[in-house]
Amino acid sequence: MTGETITARPVLMARIGYASAVVVLAVFLVTAVVMPHANAGAHFGVEDQVGTAVLGVILGGLFLMLTRPRLEADRESVRLRSFLGGWRTVPWDVVVAVDFPSKVRFARIVLPGEETLAIYAVQRLDREQSVEVMRRLRALFAATHPAI
């Protein structure tokens, strides 16, 4: 188990994010192209077309945020990345438990004082992959917390 690194990322949610981004971008780009022709009496200029296309790019990019969550764990620490922001590193010596309650959508790390950090990369939607990641994460937790 020395040198083992556990990595995880959402699978189904990432697929949904990619598909949604493509659909939203396509709809806004098509709308921007046909805007001057199918206008129902309104007058749209090039600025309106560019604005609609830019809005499609922004909204498509927001859907891509669903692909960001990551988990990396080794013998020293657990590193988490959420939908926004950068990496958060938690050393194993402050972790009290690795948990995935049945009524919660995401796995979590329990810290002292019952504080929890959600592991967005391990979620109920991914079923078998989540089970395997949790098995490995719990084994790594047990290896870094030997019984006294």
Protein backbone atom coordinates (compact mmCIF):
# COMPACT_ATOMS: atom_id res chain seq x y z
CA MET A 1 0.00 0.00 0.00
CA THR A 2 3.01 2.28 0.09
CA GLY A 3 2.88 4.91 -2.56
CA GLU A 4 -0.74 4.23 -3.45
CA THR A 5 -2.59 7.25 -4.77
CA ILE A 6 -6.36 7.27 -5.00
CA THR A 7 -7.88 9.53 -7.61
CA ALA A 8 -11.54 10.08 -8.40
CA ARG A 9 -13.72 12.36 -10.42
CA PRO A 10 -17.46 12.36 -11.10
CA VAL A 11 -18.41 10.31 -14.15
CA LEU A 12 -22.14 10.72 -14.75
CA MET A 13 -22.23 14.34 -13.62
CA ALA A 14 -19.29 15.12 -15.93
CA ARG A 15 -21.11 13.56 -18.88
CA ILE A 16 -24.19 15.60 -18.04
CA GLY A 17 -22.02 18.73 -17.84
CA TYR A 18 -20.34 18.13 -21.20
CA ALA A 19 -23.62 17.29 -22.95
CA SER A 20 -25.41 20.28 -21.43
CA ALA A 21 -22.59 22.63 -22.38
CA VAL A 22 -22.67 21.44 -26.00
CA VAL A 23 -26.47 21.73 -26.24
CA VAL A 24 -26.60 25.19 -24.65
CA LEU A 25 -23.76 26.48 -26.82
CA ALA A 26 -25.35 25.06 -29.98
CA VAL A 27 -28.76 26.56 -29.18
CA PHE A 28 -27.31 30.01 -28.52
CA LEU A 29 -25.09 29.92 -31.61
CA VAL A 30 -27.99 28.85 -33.85
CA THR A 31 -30.15 31.55 -32.27
CA ALA A 32 -27.45 34.14 -32.94
CA VAL A 33 -27.19 33.09 -36.60
CA VAL A 34 -30.93 33.07 -37.34
CA MET A 35 -31.71 36.11 -35.20
CA PRO A 36 -31.79 38.70 -38.03
CA HIS A 37 -33.90 36.46 -40.29
CA ALA A 38 -36.56 35.11 -37.92
CA ASN A 39 -37.15 38.25 -35.91
CA ALA A 40 -40.97 38.63 -35.85
CA GLY A 41 -40.66 42.33 -36.62
CA ALA A 42 -37.84 43.17 -34.21
CA HIS A 43 -34.57 44.58 -35.49
CA PHE A 44 -31.43 42.75 -34.35
CA GLY A 45 -27.98 43.97 -35.21
CA VAL A 46 -24.56 42.37 -35.19
CA GLU A 47 -24.09 43.43 -31.56
CA ASP A 48 -27.16 41.42 -30.57
CA GLN A 49 -25.85 38.38 -32.40
CA VAL A 50 -22.43 38.65 -30.76
CA GLY A 51 -24.05 39.15 -27.34
CA THR A 52 -26.21 36.06 -27.79
CA ALA A 53 -23.19 33.98 -28.86
CA VAL A 54 -21.12 35.25 -25.90
CA LEU A 55 -23.97 34.45 -23.53
CA GLY A 56 -24.03 30.90 -24.94
CA VAL A 57 -20.29 30.54 -24.33
CA ILE A 58 -20.66 31.78 -20.73
CA LEU A 59 -23.60 29.49 -19.95
CA GLY A 60 -21.85 26.54 -21.61
CA GLY A 61 -18.80 27.25 -19.45
CA LEU A 62 -20.94 27.22 -16.33
CA PHE A 63 -22.14 23.71 -17.21
CA LEU A 64 -18.51 22.64 -17.56
CA MET A 65 -18.05 23.42 -13.88
CA LEU A 66 -19.81 20.09 -13.22
CA THR A 67 -16.63 18.38 -14.46
CA ARG A 68 -14.25 20.08 -11.97
CA PRO A 69 -14.55 18.04 -8.73
CA ARG A 70 -11.53 15.84 -8.03
CA LEU A 71 -10.13 13.71 -5.24
CA GLU A 72 -6.50 12.74 -4.75
CA ALA A 73 -5.43 10.86 -1.64
CA ASP A 74 -2.15 9.31 -0.60
CA ARG A 75 -0.47 8.35 2.70
CA GLU A 76 0.17 11.99 3.63
CA SER A 77 -3.07 13.81 2.83
CA VAL A 78 -6.36 14.07 1.00
CA ARG A 79 -6.65 16.75 -1.69
CA LEU A 80 -10.10 17.90 -2.76
CA ARG A 81 -11.27 20.21 -5.52
CA SER A 82 -14.83 21.44 -5.65
CA PHE A 83 -16.91 23.14 -8.33
CA LEU A 84 -15.28 26.50 -7.60
CA GLY A 85 -11.84 27.41 -6.32
CA GLY A 86 -8.62 25.51 -6.04
CA TRP A 87 -7.37 22.46 -4.24
CA ARG A 88 -7.91 21.96 -0.51
CA THR A 89 -5.39 19.73 1.27
CA VAL A 90 -6.32 17.92 4.47
CA PRO A 91 -3.62 15.93 6.30
CA TRP A 92 -4.70 12.46 7.43
CA ASP A 93 -3.84 13.19 11.06
CA VAL A 94 -6.79 15.62 11.34
CA VAL A 95 -9.29 13.31 9.64
CA VAL A 96 -11.61 11.57 12.12
CA ALA A 97 -13.55 9.44 9.62
CA VAL A 98 -14.33 8.86 5.96
CA ASP A 99 -18.07 8.69 5.61
CA PHE A 100 -20.79 8.10 2.99
CA PRO A 101 -24.17 8.16 4.77
CA SER A 102 -27.06 6.52 2.95
CA LYS A 103 -29.15 9.71 2.71
CA VAL A 104 -26.34 11.95 1.46
CA ARG A 105 -25.49 12.49 -2.20
CA PHE A 106 -21.73 12.96 -1.78
CA ALA A 107 -19.10 11.21 0.34
CA ARG A 108 -17.50 13.26 3.06
CA ILE A 109 -14.53 13.57 5.35
CA VAL A 110 -15.27 14.09 9.03
CA LEU A 111 -12.94 16.45 10.88
CA PRO A 112 -12.71 17.19 14.62
CA GLY A 113 -15.76 18.86 16.11
CA GLU A 114 -18.03 17.01 13.65
CA GLU A 115 -17.03 19.38 10.86
CA THR A 116 -17.41 17.75 7.44
CA LEU A 117 -15.96 18.33 4.00
CA ALA A 118 -17.94 17.04 1.04
CA ILE A 119 -16.05 14.93 -1.47
CA TYR A 120 -17.91 16.01 -4.61
CA ALA A 121 -15.83 13.65 -6.77
CA VAL A 122 -17.41 10.63 -5.04
CA GLN A 123 -21.16 10.69 -5.43
CA ARG A 124 -24.08 8.34 -5.32
CA LEU A 125 -24.81 8.71 -9.07
CA ASP A 126 -21.61 6.83 -9.95
CA ARG A 127 -22.59 3.69 -8.01
CA GLU A 128 -19.89 1.01 -8.50
CA GLN A 129 -17.09 3.51 -9.02
CA SER A 130 -18.06 5.29 -5.80
CA VAL A 131 -18.13 2.00 -3.91
CA GLU A 132 -14.64 1.10 -5.13
CA VAL A 133 -13.22 4.55 -4.33
CA MET A 134 -14.74 4.46 -0.85
CA ARG A 135 -13.28 0.99 -0.18
CA ARG A 136 -9.82 2.20 -1.17
CA LEU A 137 -10.22 5.49 0.74
CA ARG A 138 -11.32 3.68 3.91
CA ALA A 139 -8.40 1.25 3.58
CA LEU A 140 -6.01 4.19 3.23
CA PHE A 141 -7.64 5.86 6.24
CA ALA A 142 -7.19 2.65 8.27
CA ALA A 143 -3.55 2.42 7.18
CA THR A 144 -2.84 5.98 8.28
CA HIS A 145 -4.69 5.58 11.61
CA PRO A 146 -3.25 2.43 13.21
CA ALA A 147 -5.16 1.14 16.23
CA ILE A 148 -3.59 2.16 19.50
